[in-house]
Structures are given as C-alpha cells and as structure tokens.
Amino acid sequence: MKTTRREWMLRALSASALPALAMLESPAAAQSPQVVKIVAQRFHYTPNEFRVKAGQPVVLEFTALDFVHGFNMPELKLRADLPPGPVVRVQLTAPKPGVYEFLCDNFCGDGHEQMNGRMVAEA
C-alpha cells in the first residue's frame, strides 16, 4: 500500500507534535510561580514570614507605603529598592528547604533594625 503525500505529512506533523504536547503537560512547564504580596511600612513587613516550596518559582510583590525601603535576602543574593507606590516584583527560587532571612537595608528611622522577616522553604 502506497502512502500518499497527505498521509505522510499528517504522520510527520503528528510525530513532531507529540513531544511538544508532552512538554506542555509536564509539571515544570505548567508550573506557575507562587505569588506572595508583601507590604513594606515603617518598621515592618506584612507578612513578615511566609512559606514556599523549595525548588519552585516564587514572585514577591512588594508595595511600600511610606518610604523607599529596601529588600535584602543575603543568602540568595537578592536585593531591591522599594519606592512608595508602584509594585516591585522580585523573582526567586529557594534552592533547598530551610529558613531564609530578609531585611530592610535602607535606613528608615528609629525601629529600622526590627524591619526584617523570613521565608520558610519547605520540601
């Protein structure tokens, strides 16, 4: 039985589409980041503790209310200025389970040293 050009094209397209469809259905491709909304205000972050899954993408969405605060997570080498008004997004992935401390690194007045928090990455 001779394969027609049309049948050959349909087989070729089907064969090339299968790997692409498999990628779309894989957990890594379908995984959207966890979004954590954080408010920065003298002299605290709200929330000042949150939980994420280790190895999965996270987007922190900061809104500063009253000052140009800073965000610094030294262990992951992340830093951002948080001007009042616009939402500032910081993307990260905790490489392993553990506790990751963060702090404000722009002096915002008396009480500044208490402006910190922690991210708990769970397995």
PDB file of N, CA and C in Angstrom:
ATOM      1  N   MET A   1       0.834  -1.172   0.000  1.00  0.00           N
ATOM      2  CA  MET A   1       0.000   0.000   0.000  1.00  0.00           C
ATOM      3  C   MET A   1       0.878   1.233   0.000  1.00  0.00           C
ATOM      4  N   LYS A   2       0.617   2.126  -0.921  1.00  0.00           N
ATOM      5  CA  LYS A   2       1.435   3.320  -1.090  1.00  0.00           C
ATOM      6  C   LYS A   2       0.904   4.446  -0.193  1.00  0.00           C
ATOM      7  N   THR A   3       1.820   5.122   0.519  1.00  0.00           N
ATOM      8  CA  THR A   3       1.447   6.243   1.374  1.00  0.00           C
ATOM      9  C   THR A   3       1.368   7.504   0.529  1.00  0.00           C
ATOM     10  N   THR A   4       0.253   8.174   0.654  1.00  0.00           N
ATOM     11  CA  THR A   4       0.093   9.420  -0.117  1.00  0.00           C
ATOM     12  C   THR A   4       0.869  10.539   0.564  1.00  0.00           C
ATOM     13  N   ARG A   5       1.099  11.571  -0.201  1.00  0.00           N
ATOM     14  CA  ARG A   5       1.814  12.736   0.328  1.00  0.00           C
ATOM     15  C   ARG A   5       1.068  13.319   1.533  1.00  0.00           C
ATOM     16  N   ARG A   6      -0.251  13.371   1.445  1.00  0.00           N
ATOM     17  CA  ARG A   6      -1.057  13.925   2.540  1.00  0.00           C
ATOM     18  C   ARG A   6      -0.911  13.077   3.803  1.00  0.00           C
ATOM     19  N   GLU A   7      -0.980  11.757   3.671  1.00  0.00           N
ATOM     20  CA  GLU A   7      -0.826  10.875   4.823  1.00  0.00           C
ATOM     21  C   GLU A   7       0.563  11.020   5.437  1.00  0.00           C
ATOM     22  N   TRP A   8       1.575  11.135   4.590  1.00  0.00           N
ATOM     23  CA  TRP A   8       2.944  11.300   5.069  1.00  0.00           C
ATOM     24  C   TRP A   8       3.072  12.597   5.877  1.00  0.00           C
ATOM     25  N   MET A   9       2.489  13.688   5.368  1.00  0.00           N
ATOM     26  CA  MET A   9       2.548  14.974   6.060  1.00  0.00           C
ATOM     27  C   MET A   9       1.828  14.900   7.417  1.00  0.00           C
ATOM     28  N   LEU A  10       0.665  14.254   7.451  1.00  0.00           N
ATOM     29  CA  LEU A  10      -0.077  14.133   8.708  1.00  0.00           C
ATOM     30  C   LEU A  10       0.710  13.323   9.729  1.00  0.00           C
ATOM     31  N   ARG A  11       1.341  12.256   9.303  1.00  0.00           N
ATOM     32  CA  ARG A  11       2.160  11.449  10.213  1.00  0.00           C
ATOM     33  C   ARG A  11       3.350  12.252  10.737  1.00  0.00           C
ATOM     34  N   ALA A  12       3.988  12.990   9.853  1.00  0.00           N
ATOM     35  CA  ALA A  12       5.150  13.788  10.261  1.00  0.00           C
ATOM     36  C   ALA A  12       4.739  14.872  11.267  1.00  0.00           C
ATOM     37  N   LEU A  13       3.632  15.545  10.995  1.00  0.00           N
ATOM     38  CA  LEU A  13       3.156  16.571  11.917  1.00  0.00           C
ATOM     39  C   LEU A  13       2.759  15.969  13.258  1.00  0.00           C
ATOM     40  N   SER A  14       2.115  14.822  13.247  1.00  0.00           N
ATOM     41  CA  SER A  14       1.714  14.167  14.487  1.00  0.00           C
ATOM     42  C   SER A  14       2.930  13.768  15.303  1.00  0.00           C
ATOM     43  N   ALA A  15       3.915  13.218  14.642  1.00  0.00           N
ATOM     44  CA  ALA A  15       5.123  12.777  15.340  1.00  0.00           C
ATOM     45  C   ALA A  15       5.864  13.956  15.965  1.00  0.00           C
ATOM     46  N   SER A  16       5.904  15.105  15.292  1.00  0.00           N
ATOM     47  CA  SER A  16       6.617  16.253  15.849  1.00  0.00           C
ATOM     48  C   SER A  16       5.793  16.963  16.910  1.00  0.00           C
ATOM     49  N   ALA A  17       4.476  16.821  16.877  1.00  0.00           N
ATOM     50  CA  ALA A  17       3.622  17.495  17.850  1.00  0.00           C
ATOM     51  C   ALA A  17       3.608  16.772  19.194  1.00  0.00           C
ATOM     52  N   LEU A  18       3.812  15.466  19.210  1.00  0.00           N
ATOM     53  CA  LEU A  18       3.739  14.718  20.455  1.00  0.00           C
ATOM     54  C   LEU A  18       4.745  15.183  21.504  1.00  0.00           C
ATOM     55  N   PRO A  19       6.020  15.346  21.160  1.00  0.00           N
ATOM     56  CA  PRO A  19       6.944  15.845  22.184  1.00  0.00           C
ATOM     57  C   PRO A  19       6.570  17.230  22.689  1.00  0.00           C
ATOM     58  N   ALA A  20       6.090  18.088  21.807  1.00  0.00           N
ATOM     59  CA  ALA A  20       5.692  19.437  22.224  1.00  0.00           C
ATOM     60  C   ALA A  20       4.510  19.372  23.188  1.00  0.00           C
ATOM     61  N   LEU A  21       3.544  18.515  22.897  1.00  0.00           N
ATOM     62  CA  LEU A  21       2.399  18.366  23.797  1.00  0.00           C
ATOM     63  C   LEU A  21       2.824  17.793  25.138  1.00  0.00           C
ATOM     64  N   ALA A  22       3.737  16.875  25.128  1.00  0.00           N
ATOM     65  CA  ALA A  22       4.223  16.295  26.380  1.00  0.00           C
ATOM     66  C   ALA A  22       4.888  17.363  27.244  1.00  0.00           C
ATOM     67  N   MET A  23       5.627  18.275  26.628  1.00  0.00           N
ATOM     68  CA  MET A  23       6.263  19.356  27.385  1.00  0.00           C
ATOM     69  C   MET A  23       5.212  20.257  28.020  1.00  0.00           C
ATOM     70  N   LEU A  24       4.134  20.541  27.305  1.00  0.00           N
ATOM     71  CA  LEU A  24       3.085  21.401  27.841  1.00  0.00           C
ATOM     72  C   LEU A  24       2.395  20.765  29.038  1.00  0.00           C
ATOM     73  N   GLU A  25       2.309  19.445  29.047  1.00  0.00           N
ATOM     74  CA  GLU A  25       1.631  18.755  30.130  1.00  0.00           C
ATOM     75  C   GLU A  25       2.555  18.441  31.299  1.00  0.00           C
ATOM     76  N   SER A  26       3.859  18.655  31.160  1.00  0.00           N
ATOM     77  CA  SER A  26       4.779  18.322  32.241  1.00  0.00           C
ATOM     78  C   SER A  26       4.617  19.314  33.392  1.00  0.00           C
ATOM     79  N   PRO A  27       4.819  18.867  34.626  1.00  0.00           N
ATOM     80  CA  PRO A  27       4.648  19.750  35.781  1.00  0.00           C
ATOM     81  C   PRO A  27       5.543  20.987  35.715  1.00  0.00           C
ATOM     82  N   ALA A  28       6.769  20.852  35.244  1.00  0.00           N
ATOM     83  CA  ALA A  28       7.680  22.001  35.197  1.00  0.00           C
ATOM     84  C   ALA A  28       7.182  23.063  34.238  1.00  0.00           C
ATOM     85  N   ALA A  29       6.662  22.657  33.086  1.00  0.00           N
ATOM     86  CA  ALA A  29       6.183  23.627  32.105  1.00  0.00           C
ATOM     87  C   ALA A  29       4.883  24.272  32.560  1.00  0.00           C
ATOM     88  N   ALA A  30       4.031  23.512  33.247  1.00  0.00           N
ATOM     89  CA  ALA A  30       2.735  24.021  33.653  1.00  0.00           C
ATOM     90  C   ALA A  30       2.799  24.793  34.965  1.00  0.00           C
ATOM     91  N   GLN A  31       3.919  24.760  35.635  1.00  0.00           N
ATOM     92  CA  GLN A  31       4.061  25.355  36.951  1.00  0.00           C
ATOM     93  C   GLN A  31       4.115  26.876  36.865  1.00  0.00           C
ATOM     94  N   SER A  32       3.151  27.528  37.471  1.00  0.00           N
ATOM     95  CA  SER A  32       3.212  28.981  37.530  1.00  0.00           C
ATOM     96  C   SER A  32       3.745  29.359  38.907  1.00  0.00           C
ATOM     97  N   PRO A  33       4.411  30.509  38.985  1.00  0.00           N
ATOM     98  CA  PRO A  33       5.051  30.860  40.254  1.00  0.00           C
ATOM     99  C   PRO A  33       4.032  31.169  41.351  1.00  0.00           C
ATOM    100  N   GLN A  34       4.426  30.872  42.569  1.00  0.00           N
ATOM    101  CA  GLN A  34       3.643  31.281  43.734  1.00  0.00           C
ATOM    102  C   GLN A  34       3.849  32.784  43.902  1.00  0.00           C
ATOM    103  N   VAL A  35       2.778  33.531  44.122  1.00  0.00           N
ATOM    104  CA  VAL A  35       2.876  34.974  44.307  1.00  0.00           C
ATOM    105  C   VAL A  35       2.632  35.286  45.778  1.00  0.00           C
ATOM    106  N   VAL A  36       3.567  36.050  46.370  1.00  0.00           N
ATOM    107  CA  VAL A  36       3.439  36.470  47.761  1.00  0.00           C
ATOM    108  C   VAL A  36       3.421  37.995  47.766  1.00  0.00           C
ATOM    109  N   LYS A  37       2.327  38.564  48.270  1.00  0.00           N
ATOM    110  CA  LYS A  37       2.191  40.019  48.348  1.00  0.00           C
ATOM    111  C   LYS A  37       2.680  40.474  49.721  1.00  0.00           C
ATOM    112  N   ILE A  38       3.592  41.475  49.712  1.00  0.00           N
ATOM    113  CA  ILE A  38       4.190  41.956  50.956  1.00  0.00           C
ATOM    114  C   ILE A  38       4.100  43.481  50.988  1.00  0.00           C
ATOM    115  N   VAL A  39       3.672  44.015  52.112  1.00  0.00           N
ATOM    116  CA  VAL A  39       3.619  45.460  52.312  1.00  0.00           C
ATOM    117  C   VAL A  39       4.811  45.858  53.174  1.00  0.00           C
ATOM    118  N   ALA A  40       5.553  46.874  52.724  1.00  0.00           N
ATOM    119  CA  ALA A  40       6.673  47.418  53.486  1.00  0.00           C
ATOM    120  C   ALA A  40       6.246  48.772  54.046  1.00  0.00           C
ATOM    121  N   GLN A  41       6.343  48.909  55.368  1.00  0.00           N
ATOM    122  CA  GLN A  41       5.946  50.140  56.043  1.00  0.00           C
ATOM    123  C   GLN A  41       6.792  50.271  57.298  1.00  0.00           C
ATOM    124  N   ARG A  42       7.168  51.503  57.630  1.00  0.00           N
ATOM    125  CA  ARG A  42       7.971  51.675  58.839  1.00  0.00           C
ATOM    126  C   ARG A  42       7.313  50.937  59.985  1.00  0.00           C
ATOM    127  N   PHE A  43       7.839  50.078  60.608  1.00  0.00           N
ATOM    128  CA  PHE A  43       9.136  49.429  60.614  1.00  0.00           C
ATOM    129  C   PHE A  43       8.929  47.929  60.522  1.00  0.00           C
ATOM    130  N   HIS A  44       8.133  47.524  59.539  1.00  0.00           N
ATOM    131  CA  HIS A  44       7.838  46.095  59.412  1.00  0.00           C
ATOM    132  C   HIS A  44       7.396  45.744  57.988  1.00  0.00           C
ATOM    133  N   TYR A  45       7.513  44.462  57.718  1.00  0.00           N
ATOM    134  CA  TYR A  45       6.951  43.870  56.506  1.00  0.00           C
ATOM    135  C   TYR A  45       5.690  43.107  56.927  1.00  0.00           C
ATOM    136  N   THR A  46       4.662  43.171  56.115  1.00  0.00           N
ATOM    137  CA  THR A  46       3.452  42.400  56.386  1.00  0.00           C
ATOM    138  C   THR A  46       3.116  41.569  55.158  1.00  0.00           C
ATOM    139  N   PRO A  47       3.166  40.245  55.233  1.00  0.00           N
ATOM    140  CA  PRO A  47       3.571  39.454  56.383  1.00  0.00           C
ATOM    141  C   PRO A  47       5.094  39.472  56.545  1.00  0.00           C
ATOM    142  N   ASN A  48       5.541  39.202  57.745  1.00  0.00           N
ATOM    143  CA  ASN A  48       6.995  39.150  57.950  1.00  0.00           C
ATOM    144  C   ASN A  48       7.511  37.709  57.922  1.00  0.00           C
ATOM    145  N   GLU A  49       6.602  36.755  57.701  1.00  0.00           N
ATOM    146  CA  GLU A  49       7.001  35.357  57.494  1.00  0.00           C
ATOM    147  C   GLU A  49       6.021  34.731  56.512  1.00  0.00           C
ATOM    148  N   PHE A  50       6.564  33.967  55.574  1.00  0.00           N
ATOM    149  CA  PHE A  50       5.725  33.259  54.613  1.00  0.00           C
ATOM    150  C   PHE A  50       6.409  31.965  54.224  1.00  0.00           C
ATOM    151  N   ARG A  51       5.628  31.057  53.653  1.00  0.00           N
ATOM    152  CA  ARG A  51       6.125  29.728  53.300  1.00  0.00           C
ATOM    153  C   ARG A  51       6.045  29.520  51.789  1.00  0.00           C
ATOM    154  N   VAL A  52       7.063  28.840  51.270  1.00  0.00           N
ATOM    155  CA  VAL A  52       7.132  28.498  49.851  1.00  0.00           C
ATOM    156  C   VAL A  52       7.600  27.054  49.744  1.00  0.00           C
ATOM    157  N   LYS A  53       7.547  26.508  48.540  1.00  0.00           N
ATOM    158  CA  LYS A  53       8.086  25.168  48.279  1.00  0.00           C
ATOM    159  C   LYS A  53       9.490  25.319  47.713  1.00  0.00           C
ATOM    160  N   ALA A  54      10.433  24.618  48.270  1.00  0.00           N
ATOM    161  CA  ALA A  54      11.808  24.643  47.756  1.00  0.00           C
ATOM    162  C   ALA A  54      11.815  24.135  46.319  1.00  0.00           C
ATOM    163  N   GLY A  55      12.593  24.792  45.473  1.00  0.00           N
ATOM    164  CA  GLY A  55      12.735  24.383  44.085  1.00  0.00           C
ATOM    165  C   GLY A  55      11.647  24.889  43.164  1.00  0.00           C
ATOM    166  N   GLN A  56      10.653  25.598  43.687  1.00  0.00           N
ATOM    167  CA  GLN A  56       9.577  26.113  42.842  1.00  0.00           C
ATOM    168  C   GLN A  56       9.667  27.635  42.757  1.00  0.00           C
ATOM    169  N   PRO A  57       9.327  28.199  41.591  1.00  0.00           N
ATOM    170  CA  PRO A  57       9.448  29.640  41.408  1.00  0.00           C
ATOM    171  C   PRO A  57       8.462  30.430  42.282  1.00  0.00           C
ATOM    172  N   VAL A  58       8.940  31.583  42.753  1.00  0.00           N
ATOM    173  CA  VAL A  58       8.159  32.468  43.604  1.00  0.00           C
ATOM    174  C   VAL A  58       8.334  33.888  43.086  1.00  0.00           C
ATOM    175  N   VAL A  59       7.271  34.679  43.132  1.00  0.00           N
ATOM    176  CA  VAL A  59       7.357  36.109  42.835  1.00  0.00           C
ATOM    177  C   VAL A  59       6.888  36.852  44.079  1.00  0.00           C
ATOM    178  N   LEU A  60       7.769  37.670  44.631  1.00  0.00           N
ATOM    179  CA  LEU A  60       7.398  38.529  45.747  1.00  0.00           C
ATOM    180  C   LEU A  60       6.935  39.851  45.158  1.00  0.00           C
ATOM    181  N   GLU A  61       5.741  40.300  45.529  1.00  0.00           N
ATOM    182  CA  GLU A  61       5.208  41.575  45.061  1.00  0.00           C
ATOM    183  C   GLU A  61       5.160  42.535  46.243  1.00  0.00           C
ATOM    184  N   PHE A  62       6.083  43.499  46.229  1.00  0.00           N
ATOM    185  CA  PHE A  62       6.210  44.457  47.323  1.00  0.00           C
ATOM    186  C   PHE A  62       5.468  45.746  47.006  1.00  0.00           C
ATOM    187  N   THR A  63       4.801  46.281  48.011  1.00  0.00           N
ATOM    188  CA  THR A  63       4.237  47.616  47.943  1.00  0.00           C
ATOM    189  C   THR A  63       4.729  48.366  49.175  1.00  0.00           C
ATOM    190  N   ALA A  64       5.476  49.439  48.954  1.00  0.00           N
ATOM    191  CA  ALA A  64       5.943  50.283  50.062  1.00  0.00           C
ATOM    192  C   ALA A  64       4.943  51.417  50.234  1.00  0.00           C
ATOM    193  N   LEU A  65       4.590  51.716  51.467  1.00  0.00           N
ATOM    194  CA  LEU A  65       3.560  52.716  51.727  1.00  0.00           C
ATOM    195  C   LEU A  65       4.099  54.099  52.063  1.00  0.00           C
ATOM    196  N   ASP A  66       5.310  54.179  52.628  1.00  0.00           N
ATOM    197  CA  ASP A  66       5.686  55.453  53.226  1.00  0.00           C
ATOM    198  C   ASP A  66       7.130  55.900  53.012  1.00  0.00           C
ATOM    199  N   PHE A  67       7.956  55.101  52.394  1.00  0.00           N
ATOM    200  CA  PHE A  67       9.383  55.413  52.333  1.00  0.00           C
ATOM    201  C   PHE A  67      10.021  54.498  51.297  1.00  0.00           C
ATOM    202  N   VAL A  68      11.215  54.847  50.854  1.00  0.00           N
ATOM    203  CA  VAL A  68      11.968  53.952  49.969  1.00  0.00           C
ATOM    204  C   VAL A  68      12.663  52.918  50.865  1.00  0.00           C
ATOM    205  N   HIS A  69      11.958  51.823  51.082  1.00  0.00           N
ATOM    206  CA  HIS A  69      12.529  50.746  51.881  1.00  0.00           C
ATOM    207  C   HIS A  69      13.419  49.903  50.983  1.00  0.00           C
ATOM    208  N   GLY A  70      14.163  49.024  51.607  1.00  0.00           N
ATOM    209  CA  GLY A  70      14.984  48.093  50.849  1.00  0.00           C
ATOM    210  C   GLY A  70      14.564  46.673  51.173  1.00  0.00           C
ATOM    211  N   PHE A  71      14.845  45.773  50.257  1.00  0.00           N
ATOM    212  CA  PHE A  71      14.651  44.346  50.492  1.00  0.00           C
ATOM    213  C   PHE A  71      15.983  43.677  50.225  1.00  0.00           C
ATOM    214  N   ASN A  72      16.474  42.923  51.193  1.00  0.00           N
ATOM    215  CA  ASN A  72      17.743  42.229  51.034  1.00  0.00           C
ATOM    216  C   ASN A  72      17.604  40.834  51.630  1.00  0.00           C
ATOM    217  N   MET A  73      17.842  39.825  50.799  1.00  0.00           N
ATOM    218  CA  MET A  73      17.867  38.436  51.248  1.00  0.00           C
ATOM    219  C   MET A  73      19.278  37.930  50.957  1.00  0.00           C
ATOM    220  N   PRO A  74      20.200  38.155  51.915  1.00  0.00           N
ATOM    221  CA  PRO A  74      21.628  37.890  51.664  1.00  0.00           C
ATOM    222  C   PRO A  74      21.944  36.476  51.196  1.00  0.00           C
ATOM    223  N   GLU A  75      21.310  35.475  51.767  1.00  0.00           N
ATOM    224  CA  GLU A  75      21.666  34.091  51.419  1.00  0.00           C
ATOM    225  C   GLU A  75      21.399  33.783  49.946  1.00  0.00           C
ATOM    226  N   LEU A  76      20.380  34.427  49.365  1.00  0.00           N
ATOM    227  CA  LEU A  76      20.089  34.201  47.945  1.00  0.00           C
ATOM    228  C   LEU A  76      20.626  35.329  47.067  1.00  0.00           C
ATOM    229  N   LYS A  77      21.357  36.257  47.677  1.00  0.00           N
ATOM    230  CA  LYS A  77      21.961  37.381  46.951  1.00  0.00           C
ATOM    231  C   LYS A  77      20.901  38.176  46.166  1.00  0.00           C
ATOM    232  N   LEU A  78      19.779  38.466  46.846  1.00  0.00           N
ATOM    233  CA  LEU A  78      18.698  39.240  46.246  1.00  0.00           C
ATOM    234  C   LEU A  78      18.602  40.590  46.934  1.00  0.00           C
ATOM    235  N   ARG A  79      18.407  41.637  46.140  1.00  0.00           N
ATOM    236  CA  ARG A  79      18.277  42.974  46.682  1.00  0.00           C
ATOM    237  C   ARG A  79      17.412  43.821  45.774  1.00  0.00           C
ATOM    238  N   ALA A  80      16.577  44.671  46.378  1.00  0.00           N
ATOM    239  CA  ALA A  80      15.734  45.578  45.597  1.00  0.00           C
ATOM    240  C   ALA A  80      15.398  46.809  46.423  1.00  0.00           C
ATOM    241  N   ASP A  81      15.269  47.952  45.743  1.00  0.00           N
ATOM    242  CA  ASP A  81      14.717  49.156  46.366  1.00  0.00           C
ATOM    243  C   ASP A  81      13.207  49.096  46.201  1.00  0.00           C
ATOM    244  N   LEU A  82      12.495  49.560  47.227  1.00  0.00           N
ATOM    245  CA  LEU A  82      11.040  49.513  47.229  1.00  0.00           C
ATOM    246  C   LEU A  82      10.493  50.929  47.389  1.00  0.00           C
ATOM    247  N   PRO A  83      10.386  51.687  46.293  1.00  0.00           N
ATOM    248  CA  PRO A  83       9.851  53.051  46.397  1.00  0.00           C
ATOM    249  C   PRO A  83       8.358  53.027  46.710  1.00  0.00           C
ATOM    250  N   PRO A  84       7.862  54.044  47.412  1.00  0.00           N
ATOM    251  CA  PRO A  84       6.433  54.071  47.723  1.00  0.00           C
ATOM    252  C   PRO A  84       5.600  54.165  46.453  1.00  0.00           C
ATOM    253  N   GLY A  85       4.539  53.381  46.407  1.00  0.00           N
ATOM    254  CA  GLY A  85       3.633  53.450  45.255  1.00  0.00           C
ATOM    255  C   GLY A  85       3.638  52.218  44.385  1.00  0.00           C
ATOM    256  N   PRO A  86       4.571  52.127  43.439  1.00  0.00           N
ATOM    257  CA  PRO A  86       4.499  51.030  42.472  1.00  0.00           C
ATOM    258  C   PRO A  86       4.818  49.668  43.107  1.00  0.00           C
ATOM    259  N   VAL A  87       4.240  48.628  42.522  1.00  0.00           N
ATOM    260  CA  VAL A  87       4.550  47.267  42.962  1.00  0.00           C
ATOM    261  C   VAL A  87       5.911  46.883  42.398  1.00  0.00           C
ATOM    262  N   VAL A  88       6.776  46.379  43.260  1.00  0.00           N
ATOM    263  CA  VAL A  88       8.097  45.913  42.844  1.00  0.00           C
ATOM    264  C   VAL A  88       8.082  44.389  42.946  1.00  0.00           C
ATOM    265  N   ARG A  89       8.429  43.738  41.847  1.00  0.00           N
ATOM    266  CA  ARG A  89       8.422  42.270  41.804  1.00  0.00           C
ATOM    267  C   ARG A  89       9.846  41.729  41.878  1.00  0.00           C
ATOM    268  N   VAL A  90      10.017  40.736  42.732  1.00  0.00           N
ATOM    269  CA  VAL A  90      11.306  40.057  42.885  1.00  0.00           C
ATOM    270  C   VAL A  90      11.042  38.570  42.661  1.00  0.00           C
ATOM    271  N   GLN A  91      11.745  37.987  41.696  1.00  0.00           N
ATOM    272  CA  GLN A  91      11.581  36.567  41.396  1.00  0.00           C
ATOM    273  C   GLN A  91      12.684  35.776  42.074  1.00  0.00           C
ATOM    274  N   LEU A  92      12.327  34.617  42.584  1.00  0.00           N
ATOM    275  CA  LEU A  92      13.326  33.777  43.242  1.00  0.00           C
ATOM    276  C   LEU A  92      12.866  32.337  43.240  1.00  0.00           C
ATOM    277  N   THR A  93      13.802  31.466  43.520  1.00  0.00           N
ATOM    278  CA  THR A  93      13.534  30.054  43.757  1.00  0.00           C
ATOM    279  C   THR A  93      14.444  29.629  44.904  1.00  0.00           C
ATOM    280  N   ALA A  94      13.857  29.159  45.983  1.00  0.00           N
ATOM    281  CA  ALA A  94      14.665  28.665  47.100  1.00  0.00           C
ATOM    282  C   ALA A  94      15.302  27.355  46.655  1.00  0.00           C
ATOM    283  N   PRO A  95      16.635  27.274  46.664  1.00  0.00           N
ATOM    284  CA  PRO A  95      17.291  26.080  46.139  1.00  0.00           C
ATOM    285  C   PRO A  95      17.112  24.825  46.989  1.00  0.00           C
ATOM    286  N   LYS A  96      16.850  25.020  48.290  1.00  0.00           N
ATOM    287  CA  LYS A  96      16.710  23.870  49.186  1.00  0.00           C
ATOM    288  C   LYS A  96      15.820  24.274  50.360  1.00  0.00           C
ATOM    289  N   PRO A  97      15.265  23.294  51.068  1.00  0.00           N
ATOM    290  CA  PRO A  97      14.463  23.619  52.241  1.00  0.00           C
ATOM    291  C   PRO A  97      15.307  24.361  53.281  1.00  0.00           C
ATOM    292  N   GLY A  98      14.666  25.248  54.004  1.00  0.00           N
ATOM    293  CA  GLY A  98      15.359  25.994  55.045  1.00  0.00           C
ATOM    294  C   GLY A  98      14.688  27.325  55.317  1.00  0.00           C
ATOM    295  N   VAL A  99      15.321  28.118  56.170  1.00  0.00           N
ATOM    296  CA  VAL A  99      14.818  29.439  56.530  1.00  0.00           C
ATOM    297  C   VAL A  99      15.743  30.477  55.924  1.00  0.00           C
ATOM    298  N   TYR A 100      15.164  31.411  55.184  1.00  0.00           N
ATOM    299  CA  TYR A 100      15.909  32.472  54.514  1.00  0.00           C
ATOM    300  C   TYR A 100      15.472  33.812  55.107  1.00  0.00           C
ATOM    301  N   GLU A 101      16.396  34.473  55.772  1.00  0.00           N
ATOM    302  CA  GLU A 101      16.111  35.758  56.418  1.00  0.00           C
ATOM    303  C   GLU A 101      16.165  36.884  55.394  1.00  0.00           C
ATOM    304  N   PHE A 102      15.314  37.905  55.598  1.00  0.00           N
ATOM    305  CA  PHE A 102      15.401  39.114  54.783  1.00  0.00           C
ATOM    306  C   PHE A 102      15.246  40.330  55.678  1.00  0.00           C
ATOM    307  N   LEU A 103      15.695  41.482  55.179  1.00  0.00           N
ATOM    308  CA  LEU A 103      15.688  42.695  55.985  1.00  0.00           C
ATOM    309  C   LEU A 103      15.596  43.931  55.107  1.00  0.00           C
ATOM    310  N   CYS A 104      15.231  45.039  55.743  1.00  0.00           N
ATOM    311  CA  CYS A 104      15.250  46.339  55.075  1.00  0.00           C
ATOM    312  C   CYS A 104      16.672  46.868  55.185  1.00  0.00           C
ATOM    313  N   ASP A 105      17.265  47.236  54.069  1.00  0.00           N
ATOM    314  CA  ASP A 105      18.635  47.749  54.113  1.00  0.00           C
ATOM    315  C   ASP A 105      18.720  49.226  53.722  1.00  0.00           C
ATOM    316  N   ASN A 106      17.574  49.931  53.729  1.00  0.00           N
ATOM    317  CA  ASN A 106      17.565  51.386  53.590  1.00  0.00           C
ATOM    318  C   ASN A 106      17.102  51.944  54.933  1.00  0.00           C
ATOM    319  N   PHE A 107      17.973  52.687  55.602  1.00  0.00           N
ATOM    320  CA  PHE A 107      17.641  53.193  56.938  1.00  0.00           C
ATOM    321  C   PHE A 107      16.351  54.001  56.873  1.00  0.00           C
ATOM    322  N   CYS A 108      15.371  53.595  57.670  1.00  0.00           N
ATOM    323  CA  CYS A 108      14.054  54.240  57.619  1.00  0.00           C
ATOM    324  C   CYS A 108      13.648  54.868  58.947  1.00  0.00           C
ATOM    325  N   GLY A 109      14.593  55.008  59.862  1.00  0.00           N
ATOM    326  CA  GLY A 109      14.315  55.690  61.125  1.00  0.00           C
ATOM    327  C   GLY A 109      14.458  54.757  62.309  1.00  0.00           C
ATOM    328  N   ASP A 110      14.131  55.321  63.500  1.00  0.00           N
ATOM    329  CA  ASP A 110      14.193  54.515  64.727  1.00  0.00           C
ATOM    330  C   ASP A 110      13.246  53.335  64.584  1.00  0.00           C
ATOM    331  N   GLY A 111      13.727  52.157  64.874  1.00  0.00           N
ATOM    332  CA  GLY A 111      12.943  50.944  64.692  1.00  0.00           C
ATOM    333  C   GLY A 111      13.339  50.191  63.427  1.00  0.00           C
ATOM    334  N   HIS A 112      14.200  50.800  62.609  1.00  0.00           N
ATOM    335  CA  HIS A 112      14.641  50.186  61.349  1.00  0.00           C
ATOM    336  C   HIS A 112      15.246  48.804  61.578  1.00  0.00           C
ATOM    337  N   GLU A 113      16.002  48.654  62.655  1.00  0.00           N
ATOM    338  CA  GLU A 113      16.695  47.374  62.887  1.00  0.00           C
ATOM    339  C   GLU A 113      15.728  46.215  63.136  1.00  0.00           C
ATOM    340  N   GLN A 114      14.457  46.505  63.448  1.00  0.00           N
ATOM    341  CA  GLN A 114      13.472  45.435  63.622  1.00  0.00           C
ATOM    342  C   GLN A 114      12.732  45.099  62.325  1.00  0.00           C
ATOM    343  N   MET A 115      13.044  45.815  61.229  1.00  0.00           N
ATOM    344  CA  MET A 115      12.321  45.577  59.971  1.00  0.00           C
ATOM    345  C   MET A 115      12.985  44.417  59.234  1.00  0.00           C
ATOM    346  N   ASN A 116      12.496  43.233  59.542  1.00  0.00           N
ATOM    347  CA  ASN A 116      13.047  42.022  58.929  1.00  0.00           C
ATOM    348  C   ASN A 116      11.967  40.956  58.860  1.00  0.00           C
ATOM    349  N   GLY A 117      12.319  39.854  58.276  1.00  0.00           N
ATOM    350  CA  GLY A 117      11.372  38.748  58.166  1.00  0.00           C
ATOM    351  C   GLY A 117      12.077  37.490  57.721  1.00  0.00           C
ATOM    352  N   ARG A 118      11.266  36.485  57.412  1.00  0.00           N
ATOM    353  CA  ARG A 118      11.864  35.233  56.971  1.00  0.00           C
ATOM    354  C   ARG A 118      10.938  34.485  56.040  1.00  0.00           C
ATOM    355  N   MET A 119      11.573  33.807  55.118  1.00  0.00           N
ATOM    356  CA  MET A 119      10.888  32.942  54.174  1.00  0.00           C
ATOM    357  C   MET A 119      11.236  31.506  54.571  1.00  0.00           C
ATOM    358  N   VAL A 120      10.231  30.680  54.769  1.00  0.00           N
ATOM    359  CA  VAL A 120      10.449  29.287  55.117  1.00  0.00           C
ATOM    360  C   VAL A 120      10.198  28.452  53.859  1.00  0.00           C
ATOM    361  N   ALA A 121      11.244  27.805  53.381  1.00  0.00           N
ATOM    362  CA  ALA A 121      11.127  26.945  52.193  1.00  0.00           C
ATOM    363  C   ALA A 121      10.960  25.507  52.676  1.00  0.00           C
ATOM    364  N   GLU A 122       9.843  24.918  52.281  1.00  0.00           N
ATOM    365  CA  GLU A 122       9.530  23.562  52.693  1.00  0.00           C
ATOM    366  C   GLU A 122       9.838  22.566  51.587  1.00  0.00           C
ATOM    367  N   ALA A 123      10.090  21.341  51.968  1.00  0.00           N
ATOM    368  CA  ALA A 123      10.389  20.291  50.983  1.00  0.00           C
ATOM    369  C   ALA A 123       9.156  19.912  50.202  1.00  0.00           C
TER     370      ALA A 123
END
